[in-house]
Amino acid sequence: DSVGDALAKRGIKVLTAKDAGNKLRASLMSDGDPDLYLIDRAGNLRFADLASDALDSAVSTLIKETPASAADRPVAFAKELQD
């Protein structure tokens, strides 16, 4: 709750969710706090269980993308895995 208040005071708007029953945490097999998950502009989960020291780099990657390029990323990633 305090994080949301701090962001709001700075005019930063982000979507957050509270896993009150820990069901999401259990389904993701979360191993500790904080667990960071980033979703791109197209709604794709792009970073899961991100280490805190990698957050800046991951955010920098995502904010450079357009919604269209983010939407294309899963296909490009699958192609990279096949090559």
Foldseek 3Di string as FASTA:
>chain_A
DVVVVVCVVVVHDDDDDDPVVCPVCVVLVPDDPPWDWDAAPLRHTDDGSDDPVCVVVVVVVRVVDDNVVSVCVVVVVVVVVVD
